[in-house]
Each structure stands twice: as C-alpha cells, then as structure tokens.
N, C-alpha and C. Protein backbone atom coordinates (compact mmCIF):
# COMPACT_ATOMS: atom_id res chain seq x y z
N UNK A 1 0.84 -1.17 -0.08
CA UNK A 1 0.01 -0.01 0.02
C UNK A 1 0.81 1.20 0.01
N UNK A 2 0.63 2.16 -0.98
CA UNK A 2 1.42 3.37 -1.03
C UNK A 2 0.91 4.45 -0.10
N UNK A 3 1.72 5.15 0.52
CA UNK A 3 1.30 6.22 1.50
C UNK A 3 1.15 7.52 0.71
N UNK A 4 -0.02 8.14 0.95
CA UNK A 4 -0.34 9.44 0.23
C UNK A 4 0.25 10.56 1.14
N UNK A 5 1.55 10.91 0.84
CA UNK A 5 2.17 11.90 1.63
C UNK A 5 1.51 13.30 1.59
N UNK A 6 1.03 13.63 0.52
CA UNK A 6 0.35 14.84 0.29
C UNK A 6 -0.82 14.99 1.27
N UNK A 7 -1.62 14.03 1.28
CA UNK A 7 -2.73 14.13 2.29
C UNK A 7 -2.24 13.99 3.68
N UNK A 8 -1.23 13.17 3.98
CA UNK A 8 -0.61 13.00 5.32
C UNK A 8 -0.12 14.26 5.88
N UNK A 9 0.74 15.01 5.05
CA UNK A 9 1.36 16.22 5.35
C UNK A 9 0.39 17.34 5.67
N UNK A 10 -0.82 17.31 5.02
CA UNK A 10 -1.71 18.33 5.22
C UNK A 10 -2.78 18.10 6.24
N UNK A 11 -2.53 17.02 6.96
CA UNK A 11 -3.30 16.70 8.12
C UNK A 11 -3.00 17.29 9.38
N UNK A 12 -4.00 17.90 10.12
CA UNK A 12 -3.69 18.48 11.34
C UNK A 12 -3.46 17.40 12.49
N UNK A 13 -4.14 16.26 12.25
CA UNK A 13 -4.03 15.08 13.16
C UNK A 13 -2.58 14.61 13.07
N UNK A 14 -2.00 14.62 11.86
CA UNK A 14 -0.66 14.07 11.73
C UNK A 14 0.31 14.95 12.43
N UNK A 15 0.20 16.29 12.35
CA UNK A 15 1.10 17.16 12.93
C UNK A 15 0.92 17.14 14.49
N UNK A 16 -0.33 17.08 14.88
CA UNK A 16 -0.50 16.90 16.45
C UNK A 16 0.13 15.59 16.94
N UNK A 17 0.06 14.49 16.17
CA UNK A 17 0.73 13.26 16.53
C UNK A 17 2.21 13.39 16.59
N UNK A 18 2.77 14.14 15.56
CA UNK A 18 4.25 14.28 15.54
C UNK A 18 4.77 15.01 16.75
N UNK A 19 3.89 16.17 17.11
CA UNK A 19 4.13 17.04 18.22
C UNK A 19 4.16 16.16 19.45
N UNK A 20 3.09 15.44 19.57
CA UNK A 20 2.87 14.67 20.77
C UNK A 20 4.03 13.67 21.08
N UNK A 21 4.47 13.07 19.99
CA UNK A 21 5.63 11.92 20.13
C UNK A 21 6.82 12.81 20.52
N UNK A 22 7.15 13.82 19.75
CA UNK A 22 8.45 14.47 20.10
C UNK A 22 8.47 15.10 21.47
N UNK A 23 7.34 15.74 22.00
CA UNK A 23 7.39 16.27 23.33
C UNK A 23 7.36 15.08 24.24
N UNK A 24 6.74 14.07 24.07
CA UNK A 24 6.81 12.89 25.01
C UNK A 24 8.23 12.38 25.16
N UNK A 25 8.94 12.33 24.11
CA UNK A 25 10.43 11.88 24.14
C UNK A 25 11.18 12.90 24.91
N UNK A 26 10.88 14.18 24.72
CA UNK A 26 11.63 15.27 25.42
C UNK A 26 11.29 15.13 26.99
N UNK A 27 10.02 14.92 27.32
CA UNK A 27 9.74 14.69 28.75
C UNK A 27 10.44 13.49 29.32
N UNK A 28 10.58 12.43 28.54
CA UNK A 28 11.28 11.23 28.97
C UNK A 28 12.78 11.56 29.28
N UNK A 29 13.31 12.50 28.54
CA UNK A 29 14.69 12.80 28.67
C UNK A 29 15.02 14.09 29.55
N UNK A 30 13.91 14.40 30.35
CA UNK A 30 13.96 15.53 31.22
C UNK A 30 14.25 16.91 30.54
N UNK A 31 13.73 17.24 29.42
CA UNK A 31 13.98 18.41 28.69
C UNK A 31 13.18 19.52 29.57
N UNK A 32 13.64 20.67 29.72
CA UNK A 32 12.95 21.77 30.45
C UNK A 32 11.73 22.22 29.58
N UNK A 33 10.76 22.85 30.29
CA UNK A 33 9.47 23.22 29.67
C UNK A 33 9.68 24.27 28.63
N UNK A 34 10.67 25.16 28.73
CA UNK A 34 10.95 26.12 27.70
C UNK A 34 11.36 25.53 26.40
N UNK A 35 12.30 24.50 26.43
CA UNK A 35 12.67 23.81 25.20
C UNK A 35 11.43 23.02 24.60
N UNK A 36 10.60 22.50 25.40
CA UNK A 36 9.46 21.82 24.94
C UNK A 36 8.48 22.69 24.16
N UNK A 37 8.34 23.94 24.65
CA UNK A 37 7.60 24.91 24.01
C UNK A 37 8.08 25.42 22.72
N UNK A 38 9.42 25.56 22.75
CA UNK A 38 10.11 25.92 21.48
C UNK A 38 9.98 24.87 20.37
N UNK A 39 10.10 23.59 20.75
CA UNK A 39 10.05 22.55 19.74
C UNK A 39 8.53 22.41 19.20
N UNK A 40 7.68 22.57 20.28
CA UNK A 40 6.32 22.42 19.79
C UNK A 40 5.97 23.58 18.82
N UNK A 41 6.55 24.72 19.02
CA UNK A 41 6.29 25.87 18.06
C UNK A 41 6.89 25.68 16.76
N UNK A 42 8.08 25.05 16.73
CA UNK A 42 8.66 24.80 15.41
C UNK A 42 7.99 23.76 14.70
N UNK A 43 7.42 22.72 15.39
CA UNK A 43 6.65 21.75 14.60
C UNK A 43 5.36 22.33 14.10
N UNK A 44 4.63 23.18 14.93
CA UNK A 44 3.51 23.81 14.48
C UNK A 44 3.73 24.68 13.25
N UNK A 45 4.87 25.40 13.33
CA UNK A 45 5.19 26.31 12.15
C UNK A 45 5.48 25.44 10.88
N UNK A 46 6.12 24.43 11.09
CA UNK A 46 6.39 23.47 10.05
C UNK A 46 5.18 22.89 9.46
N UNK A 47 4.37 22.44 10.15
CA UNK A 47 2.89 21.91 9.68
C UNK A 47 2.15 22.98 8.92
N UNK A 48 2.14 24.25 9.47
CA UNK A 48 1.40 25.30 8.84
C UNK A 48 2.02 25.53 7.55
N UNK A 49 3.27 25.59 7.42
CA UNK A 49 4.03 25.87 6.12
C UNK A 49 3.66 24.74 5.12
N UNK A 50 3.71 23.49 5.55
CA UNK A 50 3.49 22.37 4.68
C UNK A 50 2.02 22.43 4.16
N UNK A 51 1.14 22.67 5.05
CA UNK A 51 -0.25 22.85 4.63
C UNK A 51 -0.53 23.94 3.66
N UNK A 52 0.16 25.12 3.90
CA UNK A 52 0.00 26.19 2.95
C UNK A 52 0.55 25.86 1.62
N UNK A 53 1.81 25.37 1.64
CA UNK A 53 2.37 24.94 0.36
C UNK A 53 1.58 23.97 -0.56
N UNK A 54 1.06 23.01 0.20
CA UNK A 54 0.14 22.01 -0.57
C UNK A 54 -1.12 22.62 -1.00
N UNK A 55 -1.68 23.63 -0.31
CA UNK A 55 -2.92 24.15 -0.69
C UNK A 55 -2.64 25.19 -1.81
N UNK A 56 -1.58 25.99 -1.77
CA UNK A 56 -1.20 26.79 -2.91
C UNK A 56 -0.92 25.96 -4.20
N UNK A 57 -0.21 24.81 -4.00
CA UNK A 57 0.11 24.00 -5.16
C UNK A 57 -1.21 23.47 -5.87
N UNK A 58 -2.14 23.09 -5.02
CA UNK A 58 -3.46 22.62 -5.59
C UNK A 58 -4.19 23.79 -6.23
N UNK A 59 -4.09 24.90 -5.60
CA UNK A 59 -4.87 26.15 -6.23
C UNK A 59 -4.22 26.40 -7.64
N UNK A 60 -2.91 26.40 -7.57
CA UNK A 60 -2.22 26.82 -8.88
C UNK A 60 -2.48 25.71 -9.92
N UNK A 61 -2.53 24.43 -9.56
CA UNK A 61 -2.78 23.42 -10.42
C UNK A 61 -4.17 23.48 -10.99
N UNK A 62 -5.07 23.82 -10.20
CA UNK A 62 -6.55 23.99 -10.65
C UNK A 62 -6.61 25.16 -11.60
N UNK A 63 -6.00 26.30 -11.29
CA UNK A 63 -6.05 27.52 -12.22
C UNK A 63 -5.45 27.23 -13.53
N UNK A 64 -4.30 26.42 -13.48
CA UNK A 64 -3.62 26.03 -14.74
C UNK A 64 -4.54 25.23 -15.59
N UNK A 65 -5.18 24.28 -14.98
CA UNK A 65 -6.02 23.29 -15.68
C UNK A 65 -7.24 24.13 -16.30
N UNK A 66 -7.76 25.03 -15.47
CA UNK A 66 -8.84 25.86 -15.98
C UNK A 66 -8.51 26.66 -17.17
N UNK A 67 -7.32 27.27 -17.09
CA UNK A 67 -6.83 28.07 -18.27
C UNK A 67 -6.58 27.24 -19.45
N UNK A 68 -6.11 26.04 -19.32
CA UNK A 68 -5.86 25.16 -20.46
C UNK A 68 -7.15 24.71 -21.10
N UNK A 69 -8.23 24.48 -20.17
CA UNK A 69 -9.51 24.08 -20.75
C UNK A 69 -10.20 25.10 -21.51
N UNK A 70 -9.90 26.39 -21.21
CA UNK A 70 -10.67 27.57 -21.97
C UNK A 70 -10.03 27.79 -23.24
N UNK A 71 -8.75 27.33 -23.53
CA UNK A 71 -8.11 27.67 -24.81
C UNK A 71 -8.48 26.59 -25.78
C-alpha cells in the first residue's frame, strides 16, 4: 500500500501526533518546559508551512487546468 504523503502532510492530526511524540520523548529525557515549548512551536510552524504549500500548489494546479480548458 502506497502512502499518500500529500494528504498525510496536510493533516492536522498528523502534525498533532508528531508534536505529541516529540514532546513525550523530550519529557522522557527531562527536557525543560521552555525547550518543549520551542520545539512544539517549530513543529506547528512546519506543519502550517506544509499545509500552506500544498494548498497553494493545488490552487495553482486547478487554475492552470482551468486556463488550459478555456483555450
């Protein structure tokens, strides 16, 4: 079975799971709360950027297809 990475990377549940796992590992290794907050922020920002890029790519692809169909 092939993994649909585009769908996976645009999923808020996926990014919440990544954040949860990383923060849990940090807690297990006694990382301070400030570091945990910074890492959670970086993961959230990365997820937001990935979702934005995928959405813009889909929008651009649809616009290109519509312009090709009109010609």
